[in-house]
């Protein structure tokens, strides 16, 4: 009968839907695992620390030190080059790799850097 056939079709469709939903969940889990693995490889902090050790990073620090006239961007007090730490104006924890741009860096005293932490500060 037609109603039996409709019920069979509905059951078949429901079974297929359950299979697809299970497959979707597995794909989501696999995607999440791959994303976590990728995040571990592309760590913005490690990426930044590697750059800072390159010739480009060292050159930037020298130029920035001169541009800031040897002063801390936070407190405007004299800053020794050896003590200068690179501060991310837009923090890594919020902006990730996009915060790793030289125009986002300022040189600070270690204590000023710690005091500011991940707060966004206008250094102008």
N, C-alpha and C. Protein backbone atom coordinates (compact mmCIF):
# COMPACT_ATOMS: atom_id res chain seq x y z
N UNK A 1 0.82 -1.19 0.00
CA UNK A 1 0.00 0.00 0.00
C UNK A 1 0.87 1.26 0.00
N UNK A 2 0.23 2.37 -0.36
CA UNK A 2 0.95 3.63 -0.47
C UNK A 2 1.46 4.12 0.88
N UNK A 3 0.65 3.96 1.93
CA UNK A 3 1.08 4.43 3.25
C UNK A 3 2.24 3.59 3.78
N UNK A 4 2.24 2.27 3.47
CA UNK A 4 3.37 1.42 3.88
C UNK A 4 4.64 1.84 3.16
N UNK A 5 4.48 2.13 1.87
CA UNK A 5 5.62 2.56 1.05
C UNK A 5 6.16 3.90 1.56
N UNK A 6 5.29 4.82 1.92
CA UNK A 6 5.69 6.12 2.46
C UNK A 6 6.42 5.94 3.79
N UNK A 7 5.92 5.06 4.62
CA UNK A 7 6.56 4.80 5.91
C UNK A 7 7.94 4.20 5.70
N UNK A 8 8.08 3.29 4.73
CA UNK A 8 9.38 2.69 4.43
C UNK A 8 10.35 3.75 3.93
N UNK A 9 9.88 4.61 3.03
CA UNK A 9 10.72 5.70 2.51
C UNK A 9 11.15 6.65 3.62
N UNK A 10 10.24 6.96 4.50
CA UNK A 10 10.55 7.85 5.61
C UNK A 10 11.59 7.20 6.53
N UNK A 11 11.43 5.91 6.82
CA UNK A 11 12.41 5.20 7.65
C UNK A 11 13.77 5.16 6.98
N UNK A 12 13.78 4.92 5.67
CA UNK A 12 15.03 4.89 4.92
C UNK A 12 15.72 6.25 4.97
N UNK A 13 14.96 7.31 4.74
CA UNK A 13 15.51 8.67 4.81
C UNK A 13 16.04 9.00 6.19
N UNK A 14 15.31 8.59 7.21
CA UNK A 14 15.74 8.84 8.58
C UNK A 14 17.05 8.10 8.87
N UNK A 15 17.14 6.84 8.41
CA UNK A 15 18.38 6.07 8.60
C UNK A 15 19.56 6.73 7.90
N UNK A 16 19.34 7.20 6.69
CA UNK A 16 20.39 7.88 5.93
C UNK A 16 20.80 9.17 6.63
N UNK A 17 19.84 9.88 7.18
CA UNK A 17 20.13 11.12 7.91
C UNK A 17 21.00 10.82 9.13
N UNK A 18 20.68 9.78 9.87
CA UNK A 18 21.48 9.41 11.04
C UNK A 18 22.91 9.06 10.64
N UNK A 19 23.06 8.35 9.53
CA UNK A 19 24.40 8.00 9.04
C UNK A 19 25.18 9.26 8.67
N UNK A 20 24.53 10.18 7.97
CA UNK A 20 25.18 11.43 7.58
C UNK A 20 25.55 12.28 8.79
N UNK A 21 24.68 12.32 9.78
CA UNK A 21 24.98 13.08 10.99
C UNK A 21 26.18 12.49 11.73
N UNK A 22 26.26 11.17 11.77
CA UNK A 22 27.40 10.52 12.41
C UNK A 22 28.69 10.82 11.64
N UNK A 23 28.63 10.76 10.31
CA UNK A 23 29.80 11.08 9.49
C UNK A 23 30.22 12.54 9.69
N UNK A 24 29.23 13.42 9.77
CA UNK A 24 29.54 14.84 9.99
C UNK A 24 30.25 15.03 11.34
N UNK A 25 29.79 14.37 12.36
CA UNK A 25 30.41 14.49 13.68
C UNK A 25 31.85 14.00 13.65
N UNK A 26 32.09 12.90 12.96
CA UNK A 26 33.45 12.37 12.82
C UNK A 26 34.35 13.35 12.07
N UNK A 27 33.81 13.96 11.02
CA UNK A 27 34.57 14.97 10.27
C UNK A 27 34.89 16.18 11.14
N UNK A 28 33.93 16.60 11.93
CA UNK A 28 34.17 17.73 12.85
C UNK A 28 35.28 17.40 13.85
N UNK A 29 35.24 16.20 14.41
CA UNK A 29 36.27 15.79 15.37
C UNK A 29 37.64 15.73 14.71
N UNK A 30 37.70 15.18 13.52
CA UNK A 30 38.97 15.09 12.79
C UNK A 30 39.50 16.48 12.45
N UNK A 31 38.61 17.36 12.02
CA UNK A 31 39.00 18.74 11.72
C UNK A 31 39.54 19.43 12.96
N UNK A 32 38.89 19.23 14.10
CA UNK A 32 39.35 19.83 15.36
C UNK A 32 40.73 19.31 15.73
N UNK A 33 40.96 18.01 15.57
CA UNK A 33 42.28 17.44 15.87
C UNK A 33 43.35 18.05 14.97
N UNK A 34 43.03 18.21 13.69
CA UNK A 34 43.99 18.80 12.75
C UNK A 34 44.27 20.26 13.07
N UNK A 35 43.23 20.99 13.46
CA UNK A 35 43.42 22.39 13.84
C UNK A 35 44.31 22.52 15.07
N UNK A 36 44.09 21.67 16.05
CA UNK A 36 44.92 21.71 17.26
C UNK A 36 46.38 21.40 16.92
N UNK A 37 46.58 20.45 16.04
CA UNK A 37 47.94 20.10 15.62
C UNK A 37 48.59 21.28 14.88
N UNK A 38 47.83 21.92 13.99
CA UNK A 38 48.34 23.07 13.24
C UNK A 38 48.68 24.23 14.17
N UNK A 39 47.83 24.47 15.17
CA UNK A 39 48.09 25.56 16.12
C UNK A 39 49.39 25.33 16.87
N UNK A 40 49.68 24.07 17.19
CA UNK A 40 50.91 23.75 17.90
C UNK A 40 52.13 24.03 17.02
N UNK A 41 51.99 23.82 15.71
CA UNK A 41 53.09 24.06 14.78
C UNK A 41 53.27 25.55 14.53
N UNK A 42 52.16 26.27 14.38
CA UNK A 42 52.20 27.69 14.06
C UNK A 42 51.92 28.49 15.33
N UNK A 43 52.85 28.45 16.23
CA UNK A 43 52.73 29.17 17.50
C UNK A 43 53.25 30.59 17.27
N UNK A 44 52.39 31.61 17.39
CA UNK A 44 52.83 32.99 17.13
C UNK A 44 54.00 33.44 18.01
N UNK A 45 54.05 32.97 19.23
CA UNK A 45 55.15 33.36 20.13
C UNK A 45 56.47 32.79 19.61
N UNK A 46 56.47 31.52 19.23
CA UNK A 46 57.68 30.91 18.68
C UNK A 46 58.08 31.58 17.37
N UNK A 47 57.08 31.86 16.55
CA UNK A 47 57.31 32.54 15.28
C UNK A 47 58.00 33.89 15.53
N UNK A 48 57.52 34.64 16.51
CA UNK A 48 58.09 35.93 16.87
C UNK A 48 59.52 35.78 17.39
N UNK A 49 59.73 34.85 18.31
CA UNK A 49 61.07 34.65 18.88
C UNK A 49 62.08 34.25 17.82
N UNK A 50 61.66 33.42 16.86
CA UNK A 50 62.56 33.05 15.76
C UNK A 50 62.91 34.28 14.92
N UNK A 51 61.90 35.10 14.60
CA UNK A 51 62.14 36.30 13.80
C UNK A 51 63.09 37.25 14.52
N UNK A 52 62.92 37.41 15.81
CA UNK A 52 63.75 38.34 16.58
C UNK A 52 65.23 37.95 16.53
N UNK A 53 65.52 36.68 16.34
CA UNK A 53 66.90 36.22 16.27
C UNK A 53 67.50 36.34 14.86
N UNK A 54 66.67 36.63 13.87
CA UNK A 54 67.17 36.76 12.49
C UNK A 54 67.84 38.12 12.31
N UNK A 55 68.54 38.27 11.20
CA UNK A 55 69.17 39.55 10.88
C UNK A 55 68.10 40.63 10.76
N UNK A 56 66.96 40.28 10.18
CA UNK A 56 65.86 41.24 10.03
C UNK A 56 65.36 41.71 11.39
N UNK A 57 65.19 40.78 12.33
CA UNK A 57 64.72 41.13 13.66
C UNK A 57 65.73 41.99 14.42
N UNK A 58 66.99 41.63 14.31
CA UNK A 58 68.04 42.41 14.99
C UNK A 58 68.16 43.80 14.39
N UNK A 59 68.04 43.87 13.07
CA UNK A 59 68.10 45.17 12.40
C UNK A 59 66.92 46.04 12.82
N UNK A 60 65.72 45.44 12.90
CA UNK A 60 64.56 46.20 13.33
C UNK A 60 64.78 46.77 14.73
N UNK A 61 65.31 45.95 15.64
CA UNK A 61 65.50 46.41 17.02
C UNK A 61 66.47 47.59 17.06
N UNK A 62 67.54 47.52 16.29
CA UNK A 62 68.49 48.64 16.24
C UNK A 62 67.84 49.91 15.71
N UNK A 63 67.10 49.78 14.62
CA UNK A 63 66.42 50.95 14.03
C UNK A 63 65.37 51.51 14.99
N UNK A 64 64.62 50.63 15.63
CA UNK A 64 63.57 51.08 16.54
C UNK A 64 64.17 51.77 17.76
N UNK A 65 65.29 51.26 18.25
CA UNK A 65 65.96 51.87 19.40
C UNK A 65 66.36 53.30 19.05
N UNK A 66 66.90 53.50 17.86
CA UNK A 66 67.28 54.85 17.42
C UNK A 66 66.03 55.72 17.22
N UNK A 67 64.99 55.14 16.63
CA UNK A 67 63.75 55.88 16.40
C UNK A 67 63.14 56.35 17.73
N UNK A 68 63.21 55.51 18.75
CA UNK A 68 62.69 55.86 20.08
C UNK A 68 63.70 56.66 20.89
N UNK A 69 64.82 57.01 20.27
CA UNK A 69 65.86 57.82 20.90
C UNK A 69 66.32 57.24 22.22
N UNK A 70 66.40 55.91 22.27
CA UNK A 70 66.91 55.24 23.47
C UNK A 70 65.99 55.36 24.68
N UNK A 71 64.70 55.60 24.43
CA UNK A 71 63.75 55.73 25.53
C UNK A 71 62.69 54.64 25.47
N UNK A 72 62.22 54.25 26.63
CA UNK A 72 61.13 53.29 26.74
C UNK A 72 59.86 53.94 26.19
N UNK A 73 59.15 53.22 25.33
CA UNK A 73 57.91 53.77 24.74
C UNK A 73 56.81 53.93 25.77
N UNK A 74 56.90 53.25 26.90
CA UNK A 74 55.85 53.33 27.91
C UNK A 74 56.07 54.48 28.90
N UNK A 75 57.28 54.54 29.47
CA UNK A 75 57.53 55.54 30.53
C UNK A 75 58.40 56.70 30.08
N UNK A 76 58.95 56.61 28.86
CA UNK A 76 59.82 57.64 28.29
C UNK A 76 61.11 57.87 29.07
N UNK A 77 61.48 56.93 29.90
CA UNK A 77 62.75 57.00 30.63
C UNK A 77 63.83 56.36 29.77
N UNK A 78 65.12 56.71 30.04
CA UNK A 78 66.21 56.10 29.26
C UNK A 78 66.16 54.57 29.34
N UNK A 79 66.53 53.96 28.22
CA UNK A 79 66.45 52.52 28.07
C UNK A 79 67.79 52.02 27.54
N UNK A 80 68.37 51.05 28.23
CA UNK A 80 69.60 50.43 27.72
C UNK A 80 69.21 49.44 26.62
N UNK A 81 69.96 49.45 25.52
CA UNK A 81 69.65 48.57 24.41
C UNK A 81 69.59 47.12 24.85
N UNK A 82 70.54 46.71 25.66
CA UNK A 82 70.61 45.31 26.11
C UNK A 82 69.39 44.91 26.94
N UNK A 83 68.78 45.89 27.62
CA UNK A 83 67.61 45.60 28.46
C UNK A 83 66.29 45.69 27.71
N UNK A 84 66.30 46.30 26.54
CA UNK A 84 65.06 46.57 25.80
C UNK A 84 64.37 45.27 25.39
N UNK A 85 63.08 45.19 25.70
CA UNK A 85 62.27 44.05 25.26
C UNK A 85 61.25 44.56 24.24
N UNK A 86 60.91 43.67 23.33
CA UNK A 86 59.95 44.04 22.28
C UNK A 86 58.54 43.74 22.79
N UNK A 87 57.73 44.78 22.79
CA UNK A 87 56.35 44.68 23.25
C UNK A 87 55.42 44.66 22.04
N UNK A 88 54.43 43.78 22.06
CA UNK A 88 53.39 43.75 21.03
C UNK A 88 52.27 44.71 21.46
N UNK A 89 52.06 45.77 20.70
CA UNK A 89 51.01 46.73 21.03
C UNK A 89 49.65 46.02 21.00
N UNK A 90 49.37 45.32 19.91
CA UNK A 90 48.19 44.44 19.85
C UNK A 90 48.68 43.07 20.30
N UNK A 91 48.18 42.56 21.41
CA UNK A 91 48.76 41.36 22.01
C UNK A 91 48.62 40.08 21.18
N UNK A 92 49.65 39.26 21.29
CA UNK A 92 49.66 37.97 20.60
C UNK A 92 48.48 37.10 21.01
N UNK A 93 48.14 37.12 22.28
CA UNK A 93 47.08 36.22 22.76
C UNK A 93 45.73 36.52 22.12
N UNK A 94 45.52 37.77 21.73
CA UNK A 94 44.26 38.15 21.10
C UNK A 94 44.33 38.19 19.57
N UNK A 95 45.51 38.53 19.04
CA UNK A 95 45.63 38.76 17.60
C UNK A 95 46.47 37.72 16.88
N UNK A 96 47.09 36.81 17.62
CA UNK A 96 47.86 35.72 17.01
C UNK A 96 48.95 36.23 16.08
N UNK A 97 49.17 35.50 15.01
CA UNK A 97 50.25 35.82 14.07
C UNK A 97 50.10 37.20 13.44
N UNK A 98 48.87 37.70 13.34
CA UNK A 98 48.69 39.03 12.74
C UNK A 98 49.31 40.13 13.61
N UNK A 99 49.61 39.82 14.87
CA UNK A 99 50.27 40.80 15.74
C UNK A 99 51.78 40.81 15.52
N UNK A 100 52.29 39.85 14.76
CA UNK A 100 53.73 39.76 14.51
C UNK A 100 54.13 40.58 13.29
N UNK A 101 53.95 41.89 13.41
CA UNK A 101 54.35 42.83 12.37
C UNK A 101 55.17 43.92 13.03
N UNK A 102 56.29 44.29 12.45
CA UNK A 102 57.14 45.31 13.07
C UNK A 102 56.41 46.59 13.45
N UNK A 103 55.41 47.00 12.68
CA UNK A 103 54.68 48.23 13.04
C UNK A 103 53.84 48.05 14.30
N UNK A 104 53.75 46.83 14.80
CA UNK A 104 53.01 46.55 16.03
C UNK A 104 53.93 46.42 17.24
N UNK A 105 55.22 46.66 17.06
CA UNK A 105 56.20 46.48 18.14
C UNK A 105 56.70 47.82 18.68
N UNK A 106 56.97 47.83 19.98
CA UNK A 106 57.63 48.95 20.65
C UNK A 106 58.67 48.37 21.59
N UNK A 107 59.71 49.14 21.88
CA UNK A 107 60.73 48.71 22.84
C UNK A 107 60.41 49.30 24.21
N UNK A 108 60.46 48.43 25.22
CA UNK A 108 60.12 48.84 26.59
C UNK A 108 61.14 48.28 27.58
N UNK A 109 61.11 48.86 28.78
CA UNK A 109 61.81 48.23 29.90
C UNK A 109 61.10 46.91 30.21
N UNK A 110 61.82 45.91 30.69
CA UNK A 110 61.15 44.66 31.05
C UNK A 110 60.00 44.87 32.04
N UNK A 111 60.21 45.73 33.03
CA UNK A 111 59.18 46.00 34.03
C UNK A 111 57.96 46.69 33.44
N UNK A 112 58.18 47.60 32.51
CA UNK A 112 57.05 48.28 31.85
C UNK A 112 56.26 47.27 31.01
N UNK A 113 56.99 46.38 30.34
CA UNK A 113 56.34 45.36 29.53
C UNK A 113 55.48 44.46 30.41
N UNK A 114 56.00 44.06 31.54
CA UNK A 114 55.23 43.21 32.46
C UNK A 114 54.02 43.95 33.03
N UNK A 115 54.20 45.22 33.34
CA UNK A 115 53.10 46.00 33.92
C UNK A 115 51.95 46.16 32.91
N UNK A 116 52.30 46.35 31.65
CA UNK A 116 51.27 46.52 30.61
C UNK A 116 50.63 45.17 30.30
N UNK A 117 51.44 44.14 30.23
CA UNK A 117 50.93 42.81 29.92
C UNK A 117 50.24 42.78 28.57
N UNK A 118 48.99 42.32 28.56
CA UNK A 118 48.25 42.20 27.30
C UNK A 118 47.24 43.32 27.09
N UNK A 119 47.34 44.36 27.93
CA UNK A 119 46.45 45.51 27.72
C UNK A 119 46.90 46.26 26.46
N UNK A 120 45.96 46.81 25.75
CA UNK A 120 46.28 47.61 24.57
C UNK A 120 46.48 49.05 25.02
N UNK A 121 47.67 49.58 24.76
CA UNK A 121 48.05 50.92 25.21
C UNK A 121 48.37 51.77 23.99
N UNK A 122 47.95 53.03 24.02
CA UNK A 122 48.28 53.97 22.96
C UNK A 122 49.62 54.62 23.31
N UNK A 123 50.65 54.36 22.51
CA UNK A 123 51.98 54.88 22.79
C UNK A 123 52.27 56.21 22.10
N UNK A 124 51.28 56.81 21.48
CA UNK A 124 51.53 58.06 20.76
C UNK A 124 51.63 59.24 21.70
